Amino acid sequence: MFIVNIIYKKPLEIVDHYLAAHRDFLEEGYQKNYFIVSGPRHPRTGGILISHLKSREQLQAIIEVDPFYIHQVADYDIVEFNPVKYHPQFSYFINN
């Protein structure tokens, strides 16, 4: 699994300009079963995205079509981890 820490590197006015396109990108990722959860950080300096993809390379390729990435609005820090303990209702995301 992966936690993606999205860090804004442009002012919020620029972020907001691309926000609808970024959310469309996220929606497509949810439809294709790439992502589990996402949302803005507080304070609003970026966001968090959790993915249960098996390949870092696949995740990187997907991120590279995010409008935030294309327009250099944000940096992406990808952290890979192995979930060894989890809530039973979360098992679908671990075992698929």
C-alpha atoms as a PDB file:
ATOM      1  CA  MET A   1       0.000   0.000   0.000  1.00  0.00           C
ATOM      2  CA  PHE A   2       0.988   3.600  -0.418  1.00  0.00           C
ATOM      3  CA  ILE A   3       0.424   6.872   1.351  1.00  0.00           C
ATOM      4  CA  VAL A   4       0.939   9.828  -0.958  1.00  0.00           C
ATOM      5  CA  ASN A   5       1.668  13.120   0.754  1.00  0.00           C
ATOM      6  CA  ILE A   6       0.766  15.863  -1.708  1.00  0.00           C
ATOM      7  CA  ILE A   7       2.557  19.115  -0.875  1.00  0.00           C
ATOM      8  CA  TYR A   8       1.439  22.330  -2.530  1.00  0.00           C
ATOM      9  CA  LYS A   9       4.266  24.389  -3.977  1.00  0.00           C
ATOM     10  CA  LYS A  10       2.075  27.116  -5.494  1.00  0.00           C
ATOM     11  CA  PRO A  11      -0.232  29.643  -3.781  1.00  0.00           C
ATOM     12  CA  LEU A  12      -3.790  28.506  -3.000  1.00  0.00           C
ATOM     13  CA  GLU A  13      -5.148  30.689  -5.827  1.00  0.00           C
ATOM     14  CA  ILE A  14      -3.248  28.486  -8.304  1.00  0.00           C
ATOM     15  CA  VAL A  15      -4.229  25.298  -6.442  1.00  0.00           C
ATOM     16  CA  ASP A  16      -7.890  26.327  -6.586  1.00  0.00           C
ATOM     17  CA  HIS A  17      -7.605  26.997 -10.318  1.00  0.00           C
ATOM     18  CA  TYR A  18      -6.751  23.312 -10.892  1.00  0.00           C
ATOM     19  CA  LEU A  19      -8.835  21.844  -8.057  1.00  0.00           C
ATOM     20  CA  ALA A  20     -11.837  20.742 -10.144  1.00  0.00           C
ATOM     21  CA  ALA A  21      -9.565  18.992 -12.663  1.00  0.00           C
ATOM     22  CA  HIS A  22      -7.639  17.357  -9.798  1.00  0.00           C
ATOM     23  CA  ARG A  23     -10.896  16.070  -8.296  1.00  0.00           C
ATOM     24  CA  ASP A  24     -11.908  14.688 -11.711  1.00  0.00           C
ATOM     25  CA  PHE A  25      -8.562  12.879 -11.780  1.00  0.00           C
ATOM     26  CA  LEU A  26      -9.266  11.458  -8.319  1.00  0.00           C
ATOM     27  CA  GLU A  27     -12.769  10.372  -9.304  1.00  0.00           C
ATOM     28  CA  GLU A  28     -11.387   8.472 -12.286  1.00  0.00           C
ATOM     29  CA  GLY A  29      -8.890   6.804  -9.939  1.00  0.00           C
ATOM     30  CA  TYR A  30     -11.690   5.743  -7.610  1.00  0.00           C
ATOM     31  CA  GLN A  31     -13.702   4.388 -10.544  1.00  0.00           C
ATOM     32  CA  LYS A  32     -10.681   2.324 -11.641  1.00  0.00           C
ATOM     33  CA  ASN A  33     -10.144   1.088  -8.058  1.00  0.00           C
ATOM     34  CA  TYR A  34      -6.731   2.782  -7.703  1.00  0.00           C
ATOM     35  CA  PHE A  35      -7.471   4.814  -4.568  1.00  0.00           C
ATOM     36  CA  ILE A  36      -8.982   4.117  -1.142  1.00  0.00           C
ATOM     37  CA  VAL A  37      -9.262   7.567   0.403  1.00  0.00           C
ATOM     38  CA  SER A  38      -8.072  11.124  -0.205  1.00  0.00           C
ATOM     39  CA  GLY A  39      -8.517  14.562   1.229  1.00  0.00           C
ATOM     40  CA  PRO A  40      -6.930  17.910   2.042  1.00  0.00           C
ATOM     41  CA  ARG A  41      -4.499  18.354   4.896  1.00  0.00           C
ATOM     42  CA  HIS A  42      -5.195  20.767   7.739  1.00  0.00           C
ATOM     43  CA  PRO A  43      -3.910  23.391   7.514  1.00  0.00           C
ATOM     44  CA  ARG A  44      -4.427  23.399   3.771  1.00  0.00           C
ATOM     45  CA  THR A  45      -0.852  22.862   2.628  1.00  0.00           C
ATOM     46  CA  GLY A  46      -1.578  19.816   0.495  1.00  0.00           C
ATOM     47  CA  GLY A  47      -3.424  16.527   0.690  1.00  0.00           C
ATOM     48  CA  ILE A  48      -3.200  12.835   1.462  1.00  0.00           C
ATOM     49  CA  LEU A  49      -4.006   9.975  -0.891  1.00  0.00           C
ATOM     50  CA  ILE A  50      -4.024   6.295   0.070  1.00  0.00           C
ATOM     51  CA  SER A  51      -3.718   3.654  -2.618  1.00  0.00           C
ATOM     52  CA  HIS A  52      -3.737  -0.113  -2.447  1.00  0.00           C
ATOM     53  CA  LEU A  53      -1.994  -0.610  -5.772  1.00  0.00           C
ATOM     54  CA  LYS A  54       0.763  -3.215  -5.709  1.00  0.00           C
ATOM     55  CA  SER A  55       3.242  -1.358  -7.927  1.00  0.00           C
ATOM     56  CA  ARG A  56       4.999   1.902  -7.103  1.00  0.00           C
ATOM     57  CA  GLU A  57       5.717   2.352 -10.818  1.00  0.00           C
ATOM     58  CA  GLN A  58       2.016   2.062 -11.678  1.00  0.00           C
ATOM     59  CA  LEU A  59       1.118   4.588  -8.972  1.00  0.00           C
ATOM     60  CA  GLN A  60       3.815   6.985 -10.211  1.00  0.00           C
ATOM     61  CA  ALA A  61       2.489   6.731 -13.787  1.00  0.00           C
ATOM     62  CA  ILE A  62      -1.048   7.482 -12.559  1.00  0.00           C
ATOM     63  CA  ILE A  63       0.122  10.478 -10.511  1.00  0.00           C
ATOM     64  CA  GLU A  64       1.857  11.889 -13.570  1.00  0.00           C
ATOM     65  CA  VAL A  65      -1.526  12.538 -15.229  1.00  0.00           C
ATOM     66  CA  ASP A  66      -2.858  14.477 -12.213  1.00  0.00           C
ATOM     67  CA  PRO A  67      -3.361  18.130 -13.245  1.00  0.00           C
ATOM     68  CA  PHE A  68      -1.544  19.159 -10.042  1.00  0.00           C
ATOM     69  CA  TYR A  69       1.479  17.193 -11.267  1.00  0.00           C
ATOM     70  CA  ILE A  70       1.227  18.305 -14.904  1.00  0.00           C
ATOM     71  CA  HIS A  71       1.032  21.997 -13.960  1.00  0.00           C
ATOM     72  CA  GLN A  72       3.649  21.676 -11.179  1.00  0.00           C
ATOM     73  CA  VAL A  73       1.195  22.733  -8.500  1.00  0.00           C
ATOM     74  CA  ALA A  74       2.359  20.099  -6.013  1.00  0.00           C
ATOM     75  CA  ASP A  75       5.111  17.687  -5.094  1.00  0.00           C
ATOM     76  CA  TYR A  76       4.310  14.057  -4.268  1.00  0.00           C
ATOM     77  CA  ASP A  77       6.031  12.124  -1.479  1.00  0.00           C
ATOM     78  CA  ILE A  78       5.160   8.428  -1.898  1.00  0.00           C
ATOM     79  CA  VAL A  79       5.541   6.195   1.143  1.00  0.00           C
ATOM     80  CA  GLU A  80       5.179   2.446   0.628  1.00  0.00           C
ATOM     81  CA  PHE A  81       4.232   0.253   3.570  1.00  0.00           C
ATOM     82  CA  ASN A  82       3.073  -3.281   4.321  1.00  0.00           C
ATOM     83  CA  PRO A  83      -0.141  -3.340   6.366  1.00  0.00           C
ATOM     84  CA  VAL A  84       0.343  -6.205   8.815  1.00  0.00           C
ATOM     85  CA  LYS A  85      -2.415  -5.156  11.217  1.00  0.00           C
ATOM     86  CA  TYR A  86      -5.736  -3.699  10.132  1.00  0.00           C
ATOM     87  CA  HIS A  87      -9.398  -3.533  11.049  1.00  0.00           C
ATOM     88  CA  PRO A  88     -11.314  -6.575   9.716  1.00  0.00           C
ATOM     89  CA  GLN A  89     -13.643  -4.339   7.681  1.00  0.00           C
ATOM     90  CA  PHE A  90     -10.565  -3.024   5.881  1.00  0.00           C
ATOM     91  CA  SER A  91      -9.470  -6.502   4.730  1.00  0.00           C
ATOM     92  CA  TYR A  92     -10.957  -6.066   1.245  1.00  0.00           C
ATOM     93  CA  PHE A  93      -8.336  -3.415   0.475  1.00  0.00           C
ATOM     94  CA  ILE A  94      -5.512  -5.516   1.877  1.00  0.00           C
ATOM     95  CA  ASN A  95      -6.354  -8.812   0.229  1.00  0.00           C
ATOM     96  CA  ASN A  96      -7.350  -7.586  -3.258  1.00  0.00           C
END
